[in-house]
């Protein structure tokens, strides 16, 4: 998997909403009504990650969830990271 250059990364940002550049990764945060809703979302993300074999850094505190994607093998962002961001956005949150 090839690391995207800065121009390609900026172009990919047109495909996603609410995600931010965080060093060599993309990151987004969600706030849910309660812990159960947050865990339901996390479980859906886990299913996607297993299907795509691309796993996020995931942080949870009660009703707040933060996801961060980067392709560590490539040393930065790849198409896989943006593909996962689009898929996560489709499951809601």
PDB file of N, CA and C in Angstrom:
ATOM      1  N   UNK A   1       0.852  -1.177   0.000  1.00  0.00           N
ATOM      2  CA  UNK A   1       0.000   0.000   0.000  1.00  0.00           C
ATOM      3  C   UNK A   1       0.894   1.235   0.000  1.00  0.00           C
ATOM      4  N   UNK A   2       0.628   2.139  -0.933  1.00  0.00           N
ATOM      5  CA  UNK A   2       1.448   3.335  -1.076  1.00  0.00           C
ATOM      6  C   UNK A   2       0.932   4.480  -0.218  1.00  0.00           C
ATOM      7  N   UNK A   3       1.862   5.151   0.419  1.00  0.00           N
ATOM      8  CA  UNK A   3       1.539   6.343   1.203  1.00  0.00           C
ATOM      9  C   UNK A   3       1.114   7.461   0.251  1.00  0.00           C
ATOM     10  N   UNK A   4       0.040   8.163   0.625  1.00  0.00           N
ATOM     11  CA  UNK A   4      -0.440   9.282  -0.179  1.00  0.00           C
ATOM     12  C   UNK A   4       0.423  10.516   0.038  1.00  0.00           C
ATOM     13  N   UNK A   5       0.615  11.307  -1.007  1.00  0.00           N
ATOM     14  CA  UNK A   5       1.335  12.568  -0.821  1.00  0.00           C
ATOM     15  C   UNK A   5       0.357  13.629  -0.315  1.00  0.00           C
ATOM     16  N   UNK A   6       0.849  14.780   0.016  1.00  0.00           N
ATOM     17  CA  UNK A   6       0.034  15.837   0.632  1.00  0.00           C
ATOM     18  C   UNK A   6      -1.130  16.266  -0.271  1.00  0.00           C
ATOM     19  N   UNK A   7      -0.892  16.370  -1.558  1.00  0.00           N
ATOM     20  CA  UNK A   7      -1.953  16.744  -2.498  1.00  0.00           C
ATOM     21  C   UNK A   7      -3.040  15.680  -2.529  1.00  0.00           C
ATOM     22  N   UNK A   8      -2.641  14.421  -2.565  1.00  0.00           N
ATOM     23  CA  UNK A   8      -3.610  13.324  -2.572  1.00  0.00           C
ATOM     24  C   UNK A   8      -4.421  13.290  -1.277  1.00  0.00           C
ATOM     25  N   UNK A   9      -3.761  13.549  -0.154  1.00  0.00           N
ATOM     26  CA  UNK A   9      -4.458  13.586   1.140  1.00  0.00           C
ATOM     27  C   UNK A   9      -5.510  14.686   1.132  1.00  0.00           C
ATOM     28  N   UNK A  10      -5.144  15.871   0.677  1.00  0.00           N
ATOM     29  CA  UNK A  10      -6.099  16.981   0.638  1.00  0.00           C
ATOM     30  C   UNK A  10      -7.277  16.655  -0.275  1.00  0.00           C
ATOM     31  N   UNK A  11      -7.019  15.994  -1.382  1.00  0.00           N
ATOM     32  CA  UNK A  11      -8.087  15.602  -2.294  1.00  0.00           C
ATOM     33  C   UNK A  11      -9.019  14.596  -1.619  1.00  0.00           C
ATOM     34  N   UNK A  12      -8.469  13.657  -0.865  1.00  0.00           N
ATOM     35  CA  UNK A  12      -9.273  12.645  -0.179  1.00  0.00           C
ATOM     36  C   UNK A  12     -10.177  13.271   0.886  1.00  0.00           C
ATOM     37  N   UNK A  13      -9.761  14.382   1.453  1.00  0.00           N
ATOM     38  CA  UNK A  13     -10.579  15.052   2.472  1.00  0.00           C
ATOM     39  C   UNK A  13     -11.904  15.551   1.898  1.00  0.00           C
ATOM     40  N   UNK A  14     -12.013  15.656   0.583  1.00  0.00           N
ATOM     41  CA  UNK A  14     -13.289  16.063  -0.013  1.00  0.00           C
ATOM     42  C   UNK A  14     -14.319  14.936   0.070  1.00  0.00           C
ATOM     43  N   UNK A  15     -13.868  13.715   0.339  1.00  0.00           N
ATOM     44  CA  UNK A  15     -14.747  12.552   0.410  1.00  0.00           C
ATOM     45  C   UNK A  15     -15.277  12.283   1.814  1.00  0.00           C
ATOM     46  N   UNK A  16     -14.728  12.962   2.813  1.00  0.00           N
ATOM     47  CA  UNK A  16     -15.114  12.691   4.203  1.00  0.00           C
ATOM     48  C   UNK A  16     -15.476  13.999   4.900  1.00  0.00           C
ATOM     49  N   UNK A  17     -16.345  13.891   5.901  1.00  0.00           N
ATOM     50  CA  UNK A  17     -16.760  15.079   6.657  1.00  0.00           C
ATOM     51  C   UNK A  17     -16.488  14.874   8.142  1.00  0.00           C
ATOM     52  N   UNK A  18     -15.970  15.917   8.758  1.00  0.00           N
ATOM     53  CA  UNK A  18     -15.759  15.879  10.194  1.00  0.00           C
ATOM     54  C   UNK A  18     -14.446  15.253  10.631  1.00  0.00           C
ATOM     55  N   UNK A  19     -13.701  14.708   9.699  1.00  0.00           N
ATOM     56  CA  UNK A  19     -12.400  14.118  10.020  1.00  0.00           C
ATOM     57  C   UNK A  19     -11.348  15.216   9.959  1.00  0.00           C
ATOM     58  N   UNK A  20     -10.326  15.070  10.802  1.00  0.00           N
ATOM     59  CA  UNK A  20      -9.242  16.050  10.849  1.00  0.00           C
ATOM     60  C   UNK A  20      -7.904  15.345  10.695  1.00  0.00           C
ATOM     61  N   UNK A  21      -6.973  16.064  10.133  1.00  0.00           N
ATOM     62  CA  UNK A  21      -5.613  15.565  10.046  1.00  0.00           C
ATOM     63  C   UNK A  21      -5.009  15.624  11.443  1.00  0.00           C
ATOM     64  N   UNK A  22      -4.387  14.528  11.859  1.00  0.00           N
ATOM     65  CA  UNK A  22      -3.780  14.431  13.187  1.00  0.00           C
ATOM     66  C   UNK A  22      -2.403  13.792  13.016  1.00  0.00           C
ATOM     67  N   UNK A  23      -1.408  14.620  12.744  1.00  0.00           N
ATOM     68  CA  UNK A  23      -0.074  14.099  12.448  1.00  0.00           C
ATOM     69  C   UNK A  23      -0.112  13.324  11.148  1.00  0.00           C
ATOM     70  N   UNK A  24       0.262  12.049  11.206  1.00  0.00           N
ATOM     71  CA  UNK A  24       0.248  11.210  10.005  1.00  0.00           C
ATOM     72  C   UNK A  24      -1.002  10.320   9.977  1.00  0.00           C
ATOM     73  N   UNK A  25      -2.107  10.832  10.550  1.00  0.00           N
ATOM     74  CA  UNK A  25      -3.353  10.075  10.640  1.00  0.00           C
ATOM     75  C   UNK A  25      -4.548  10.997  10.421  1.00  0.00           C
ATOM     76  N   UNK A  26      -5.732  10.367  10.295  1.00  0.00           N
ATOM     77  CA  UNK A  26      -6.983  11.112  10.305  1.00  0.00           C
ATOM     78  C   UNK A  26      -7.749  10.700  11.554  1.00  0.00           C
ATOM     79  N   UNK A  27      -8.485  11.654  12.113  1.00  0.00           N
ATOM     80  CA  UNK A  27      -9.146  11.425  13.395  1.00  0.00           C
ATOM     81  C   UNK A  27     -10.530  12.062  13.392  1.00  0.00           C
ATOM     82  N   UNK A  28     -11.452  11.392  14.085  1.00  0.00           N
ATOM     83  CA  UNK A  28     -12.790  11.939  14.266  1.00  0.00           C
ATOM     84  C   UNK A  28     -13.301  11.514  15.639  1.00  0.00           C
ATOM     85  N   UNK A  29     -14.125  12.379  16.227  1.00  0.00           N
ATOM     86  CA  UNK A  29     -14.686  12.099  17.552  1.00  0.00           C
ATOM     87  C   UNK A  29     -16.207  12.148  17.493  1.00  0.00           C
ATOM     88  N   UNK A  30     -16.831  11.303  18.290  1.00  0.00           N
ATOM     89  CA  UNK A  30     -18.284  11.239  18.398  1.00  0.00           C
ATOM     90  C   UNK A  30     -18.682  11.323  19.863  1.00  0.00           C
ATOM     91  N   UNK A  31     -19.874  11.852  20.110  1.00  0.00           N
ATOM     92  CA  UNK A  31     -20.442  11.842  21.451  1.00  0.00           C
ATOM     93  C   UNK A  31     -21.854  11.268  21.341  1.00  0.00           C
ATOM     94  N   UNK A  32     -22.126  10.255  22.134  1.00  0.00           N
ATOM     95  CA  UNK A  32     -23.404   9.566  22.114  1.00  0.00           C
ATOM     96  C   UNK A  32     -24.200   9.914  23.371  1.00  0.00           C
ATOM     97  N   UNK A  33     -25.437   9.476  23.404  1.00  0.00           N
ATOM     98  CA  UNK A  33     -26.308   9.752  24.544  1.00  0.00           C
ATOM     99  C   UNK A  33     -25.831   9.029  25.804  1.00  0.00           C
ATOM    100  N   UNK A  34     -25.329   7.798  25.610  1.00  0.00           N
ATOM    101  CA  UNK A  34     -24.910   7.012  26.773  1.00  0.00           C
ATOM    102  C   UNK A  34     -23.841   5.991  26.360  1.00  0.00           C
ATOM    103  N   UNK A  35     -23.394   5.232  27.336  1.00  0.00           N
ATOM    104  CA  UNK A  35     -22.346   4.231  27.124  1.00  0.00           C
ATOM    105  C   UNK A  35     -22.802   3.138  26.158  1.00  0.00           C
ATOM    106  N   UNK A  36     -24.039   2.689  26.296  1.00  0.00           N
ATOM    107  CA  UNK A  36     -24.537   1.619  25.431  1.00  0.00           C
ATOM    108  C   UNK A  36     -24.506   2.010  23.954  1.00  0.00           C
ATOM    109  N   UNK A  37     -24.908   3.233  23.637  1.00  0.00           N
ATOM    110  CA  UNK A  37     -24.851   3.700  22.248  1.00  0.00           C
ATOM    111  C   UNK A  37     -23.412   3.764  21.751  1.00  0.00           C
ATOM    112  N   UNK A  38     -22.513   4.232  22.602  1.00  0.00           N
ATOM    113  CA  UNK A  38     -21.099   4.302  22.228  1.00  0.00           C
ATOM    114  C   UNK A  38     -20.551   2.905  21.946  1.00  0.00           C
ATOM    115  N   UNK A  39     -20.898   1.936  22.782  1.00  0.00           N
ATOM    116  CA  UNK A  39     -20.408   0.575  22.589  1.00  0.00           C
ATOM    117  C   UNK A  39     -21.011  -0.074  21.347  1.00  0.00           C
ATOM    118  N   UNK A  40     -22.256   0.222  21.053  1.00  0.00           N
ATOM    119  CA  UNK A  40     -22.875  -0.287  19.830  1.00  0.00           C
ATOM    120  C   UNK A  40     -22.103   0.213  18.605  1.00  0.00           C
ATOM    121  N   UNK A  41     -21.772   1.489  18.604  1.00  0.00           N
ATOM    122  CA  UNK A  41     -20.982   2.075  17.521  1.00  0.00           C
ATOM    123  C   UNK A  41     -19.605   1.412  17.439  1.00  0.00           C
ATOM    124  N   UNK A  42     -18.945   1.245  18.565  1.00  0.00           N
ATOM    125  CA  UNK A  42     -17.616   0.624  18.599  1.00  0.00           C
ATOM    126  C   UNK A  42     -17.672  -0.795  18.028  1.00  0.00           C
ATOM    127  N   UNK A  43     -18.700  -1.544  18.378  1.00  0.00           N
ATOM    128  CA  UNK A  43     -18.826  -2.908  17.860  1.00  0.00           C
ATOM    129  C   UNK A  43     -19.031  -2.921  16.354  1.00  0.00           C
ATOM    130  N   UNK A  44     -19.777  -1.970  15.823  1.00  0.00           N
ATOM    131  CA  UNK A  44     -19.953  -1.864  14.374  1.00  0.00           C
ATOM    132  C   UNK A  44     -18.628  -1.513  13.699  1.00  0.00           C
ATOM    133  N   UNK A  45     -17.862  -0.616  14.311  1.00  0.00           N
ATOM    134  CA  UNK A  45     -16.543  -0.260  13.777  1.00  0.00           C
ATOM    135  C   UNK A  45     -15.626  -1.476  13.802  1.00  0.00           C
ATOM    136  N   UNK A  46     -15.688  -2.259  14.875  1.00  0.00           N
ATOM    137  CA  UNK A  46     -14.858  -3.464  14.986  1.00  0.00           C
ATOM    138  C   UNK A  46     -15.179  -4.449  13.868  1.00  0.00           C
ATOM    139  N   UNK A  47     -16.462  -4.610  13.559  1.00  0.00           N
ATOM    140  CA  UNK A  47     -16.850  -5.501  12.455  1.00  0.00           C
ATOM    141  C   UNK A  47     -16.271  -5.011  11.127  1.00  0.00           C
ATOM    142  N   UNK A  48     -16.374  -3.708  10.865  1.00  0.00           N
ATOM    143  CA  UNK A  48     -15.791  -3.137   9.646  1.00  0.00           C
ATOM    144  C   UNK A  48     -14.283  -3.366   9.591  1.00  0.00           C
ATOM    145  N   UNK A  49     -13.631  -3.127  10.707  1.00  0.00           N
ATOM    146  CA  UNK A  49     -12.175  -3.272  10.771  1.00  0.00           C
ATOM    147  C   UNK A  49     -11.755  -4.710  10.471  1.00  0.00           C
ATOM    148  N   UNK A  50     -12.486  -5.661  11.011  1.00  0.00           N
ATOM    149  CA  UNK A  50     -12.179  -7.071  10.725  1.00  0.00           C
ATOM    150  C   UNK A  50     -12.408  -7.380   9.239  1.00  0.00           C
ATOM    151  N   UNK A  51     -13.506  -6.884   8.684  1.00  0.00           N
ATOM    152  CA  UNK A  51     -13.808  -7.141   7.271  1.00  0.00           C
ATOM    153  C   UNK A  51     -12.742  -6.550   6.354  1.00  0.00           C
ATOM    154  N   UNK A  52     -12.279  -5.357   6.668  1.00  0.00           N
ATOM    155  CA  UNK A  52     -11.304  -4.656   5.821  1.00  0.00           C
ATOM    156  C   UNK A  52      -9.854  -4.960   6.209  1.00  0.00           C
ATOM    157  N   UNK A  53      -9.671  -5.654   7.338  1.00  0.00           N
ATOM    158  CA  UNK A  53      -8.339  -5.926   7.879  1.00  0.00           C
ATOM    159  C   UNK A  53      -7.523  -4.635   8.011  1.00  0.00           C
ATOM    160  N   UNK A  54      -8.209  -3.622   8.543  1.00  0.00           N
ATOM    161  CA  UNK A  54      -7.580  -2.312   8.761  1.00  0.00           C
ATOM    162  C   UNK A  54      -8.164  -1.736  10.046  1.00  0.00           C
ATOM    163  N   UNK A  55      -7.350  -1.649  11.059  1.00  0.00           N
ATOM    164  CA  UNK A  55      -7.840  -1.385  12.408  1.00  0.00           C
ATOM    165  C   UNK A  55      -7.465   0.008  12.900  1.00  0.00           C
ATOM    166  N   UNK A  56      -8.425   0.680  13.537  1.00  0.00           N
ATOM    167  CA  UNK A  56      -8.162   2.037  14.036  1.00  0.00           C
ATOM    168  C   UNK A  56      -7.530   2.028  15.419  1.00  0.00           C
ATOM    169  N   UNK A  57      -6.965   3.162  15.772  1.00  0.00           N
ATOM    170  CA  UNK A  57      -6.711   3.446  17.179  1.00  0.00           C
ATOM    171  C   UNK A  57      -8.057   3.913  17.699  1.00  0.00           C
ATOM    172  N   UNK A  58      -8.524   3.331  18.766  1.00  0.00           N
ATOM    173  CA  UNK A  58      -9.868   3.591  19.248  1.00  0.00           C
ATOM    174  C   UNK A  58      -9.806   3.966  20.722  1.00  0.00           C
ATOM    175  N   UNK A  59     -10.464   5.060  21.079  1.00  0.00           N
ATOM    176  CA  UNK A  59     -10.508   5.516  22.463  1.00  0.00           C
ATOM    177  C   UNK A  59     -11.959   5.729  22.869  1.00  0.00           C
ATOM    178  N   UNK A  60     -12.286   5.292  24.074  1.00  0.00           N
ATOM    179  CA  UNK A  60     -13.657   5.434  24.567  1.00  0.00           C
ATOM    180  C   UNK A  60     -13.637   5.858  26.023  1.00  0.00           C
ATOM    181  N   UNK A  61     -14.414   6.880  26.327  1.00  0.00           N
ATOM    182  CA  UNK A  61     -14.673   7.276  27.711  1.00  0.00           C
ATOM    183  C   UNK A  61     -16.169   7.517  27.817  1.00  0.00           C
ATOM    184  N   UNK A  62     -16.852   6.613  28.504  1.00  0.00           N
ATOM    185  CA  UNK A  62     -18.290   6.619  28.691  1.00  0.00           C
ATOM    186  C   UNK A  62     -19.034   6.785  27.367  1.00  0.00           C
ATOM    187  N   UNK A  63     -19.494   7.983  27.031  1.00  0.00           N
ATOM    188  CA  UNK A  63     -20.291   8.172  25.817  1.00  0.00           C
ATOM    189  C   UNK A  63     -19.493   8.804  24.672  1.00  0.00           C
ATOM    190  N   UNK A  64     -18.196   8.933  24.839  1.00  0.00           N
ATOM    191  CA  UNK A  64     -17.351   9.563  23.818  1.00  0.00           C
ATOM    192  C   UNK A  64     -16.449   8.517  23.167  1.00  0.00           C
ATOM    193  N   UNK A  65     -16.368   8.615  21.839  1.00  0.00           N
ATOM    194  CA  UNK A  65     -15.537   7.696  21.060  1.00  0.00           C
ATOM    195  C   UNK A  65     -14.674   8.513  20.115  1.00  0.00           C
ATOM    196  N   UNK A  66     -13.421   8.134  20.020  1.00  0.00           N
ATOM    197  CA  UNK A  66     -12.482   8.766  19.099  1.00  0.00           C
ATOM    198  C   UNK A  66     -11.816   7.668  18.279  1.00  0.00           C
ATOM    199  N   UNK A  67     -11.785   7.860  16.958  1.00  0.00           N
ATOM    200  CA  UNK A  67     -11.106   6.925  16.066  1.00  0.00           C
ATOM    201  C   UNK A  67      -9.984   7.648  15.340  1.00  0.00           C
ATOM    202  N   UNK A  68      -8.919   6.911  15.122  1.00  0.00           N
ATOM    203  CA  UNK A  68      -7.765   7.455  14.417  1.00  0.00           C
ATOM    204  C   UNK A  68      -7.259   6.386  13.464  1.00  0.00           C
ATOM    205  N   UNK A  69      -7.128   6.741  12.181  1.00  0.00           N
ATOM    206  CA  UNK A  69      -6.637   5.810  11.176  1.00  0.00           C
ATOM    207  C   UNK A  69      -5.325   6.294  10.579  1.00  0.00           C
ATOM    208  N   UNK A  70      -4.396   5.355  10.439  1.00  0.00           N
ATOM    209  CA  UNK A  70      -3.134   5.567   9.754  1.00  0.00           C
ATOM    210  C   UNK A  70      -2.637   4.189   9.329  1.00  0.00           C
ATOM    211  N   UNK A  71      -1.934   4.128   8.224  1.00  0.00           N
ATOM    212  CA  UNK A  71      -1.375   2.853   7.783  1.00  0.00           C
ATOM    213  C   UNK A  71       0.072   2.797   8.247  1.00  0.00           C
ATOM    214  N   UNK A  72       0.286   2.129   9.358  1.00  0.00           N
ATOM    215  CA  UNK A  72       1.609   2.113   9.987  1.00  0.00           C
ATOM    216  C   UNK A  72       2.667   1.497   9.077  1.00  0.00           C
ATOM    217  N   UNK A  73       2.291   0.462   8.321  1.00  0.00           N
ATOM    218  CA  UNK A  73       3.248  -0.176   7.409  1.00  0.00           C
ATOM    219  C   UNK A  73       3.757   0.784   6.337  1.00  0.00           C
ATOM    220  N   UNK A  74       2.903   1.742   5.940  1.00  0.00           N
ATOM    221  CA  UNK A  74       3.277   2.708   4.905  1.00  0.00           C
ATOM    222  C   UNK A  74       3.879   3.977   5.505  1.00  0.00           C
ATOM    223  N   UNK A  75       3.789   4.119   6.806  1.00  0.00           N
ATOM    224  CA  UNK A  75       4.338   5.311   7.459  1.00  0.00           C
ATOM    225  C   UNK A  75       3.477   6.551   7.298  1.00  0.00           C
ATOM    226  N   UNK A  76       2.181   6.361   7.108  1.00  0.00           N
ATOM    227  CA  UNK A  76       1.289   7.510   6.959  1.00  0.00           C
ATOM    228  C   UNK A  76      -0.053   7.102   6.388  1.00  0.00           C
ATOM    229  N   UNK A  77      -0.681   8.032   5.713  1.00  0.00           N
ATOM    230  CA  UNK A  77      -2.026   7.814   5.197  1.00  0.00           C
ATOM    231  C   UNK A  77      -2.016   7.138   3.823  1.00  0.00           C
ATOM    232  N   UNK A  78      -2.949   6.204   3.663  1.00  0.00           N
ATOM    233  CA  UNK A  78      -3.141   5.517   2.386  1.00  0.00           C
ATOM    234  C   UNK A  78      -4.631   5.546   2.036  1.00  0.00           C
ATOM    235  N   UNK A  79      -4.955   5.024   0.871  1.00  0.00           N
ATOM    236  CA  UNK A  79      -6.360   4.932   0.478  1.00  0.00           C
ATOM    237  C   UNK A  79      -7.179   4.123   1.476  1.00  0.00           C
ATOM    238  N   UNK A  80      -6.563   3.135   2.120  1.00  0.00           N
ATOM    239  CA  UNK A  80      -7.271   2.309   3.106  1.00  0.00           C
ATOM    240  C   UNK A  80      -7.835   3.145   4.252  1.00  0.00           C
ATOM    241  N   UNK A  81      -7.098   4.133   4.690  1.00  0.00           N
ATOM    242  CA  UNK A  81      -7.549   4.972   5.802  1.00  0.00           C
ATOM    243  C   UNK A  81      -8.797   5.755   5.424  1.00  0.00           C
ATOM    244  N   UNK A  82      -8.800   6.299   4.227  1.00  0.00           N
ATOM    245  CA  UNK A  82      -9.954   7.079   3.784  1.00  0.00           C
ATOM    246  C   UNK A  82     -11.141   6.178   3.459  1.00  0.00           C
ATOM    247  N   UNK A  83     -10.866   4.992   2.952  1.00  0.00           N
ATOM    248  CA  UNK A  83     -11.932   4.019   2.702  1.00  0.00           C
ATOM    249  C   UNK A  83     -12.624   3.656   4.011  1.00  0.00           C
ATOM    250  N   UNK A  84     -11.852   3.459   5.061  1.00  0.00           N
ATOM    251  CA  UNK A  84     -12.423   3.138   6.362  1.00  0.00           C
ATOM    252  C   UNK A  84     -13.213   4.329   6.927  1.00  0.00           C
ATOM    253  N   UNK A  85     -12.716   5.526   6.733  1.00  0.00           N
ATOM    254  CA  UNK A  85     -13.433   6.718   7.216  1.00  0.00           C
ATOM    255  C   UNK A  85     -14.807   6.809   6.560  1.00  0.00           C
ATOM    256  N   UNK A  86     -14.875   6.578   5.258  1.00  0.00           N
ATOM    257  CA  UNK A  86     -16.144   6.613   4.539  1.00  0.00           C
ATOM    258  C   UNK A  86     -17.071   5.516   5.078  1.00  0.00           C
ATOM    259  N   UNK A  87     -16.550   4.319   5.281  1.00  0.00           N
ATOM    260  CA  UNK A  87     -17.358   3.200   5.776  1.00  0.00           C
ATOM    261  C   UNK A  87     -17.880   3.470   7.187  1.00  0.00           C
ATOM    262  N   UNK A  88     -17.035   4.034   8.043  1.00  0.00           N
ATOM    263  CA  UNK A  88     -17.454   4.366   9.408  1.00  0.00           C
ATOM    264  C   UNK A  88     -18.552   5.411   9.382  1.00  0.00           C
ATOM    265  N   UNK A  89     -18.403   6.410   8.537  1.00  0.00           N
ATOM    266  CA  UNK A  89     -19.430   7.451   8.452  1.00  0.00           C
ATOM    267  C   UNK A  89     -20.776   6.873   8.002  1.00  0.00           C
ATOM    268  N   UNK A  90     -20.753   5.835   7.189  1.00  0.00           N
ATOM    269  CA  UNK A  90     -22.000   5.223   6.723  1.00  0.00           C
ATOM    270  C   UNK A  90     -22.743   4.484   7.836  1.00  0.00           C
ATOM    271  N   UNK A  91     -22.009   3.991   8.835  1.00  0.00           N
ATOM    272  CA  UNK A  91     -22.697   3.278   9.921  1.00  0.00           C
ATOM    273  C   UNK A  91     -23.291   4.242  10.931  1.00  0.00           C
ATOM    274  N   UNK A  92     -22.921   5.514  10.808  1.00  0.00           N
ATOM    275  CA  UNK A  92     -23.554   6.510  11.668  1.00  0.00           C
ATOM    276  C   UNK A  92     -22.726   6.871  12.870  1.00  0.00           C
ATOM    277  N   UNK A  93     -23.404   7.516  13.736  1.00  0.00           N
ATOM    278  CA  UNK A  93     -22.715   7.959  14.936  1.00  0.00           C
ATOM    279  C   UNK A  93     -22.998   9.396  15.200  1.00  0.00           C
TER     280      UNK A  93
END
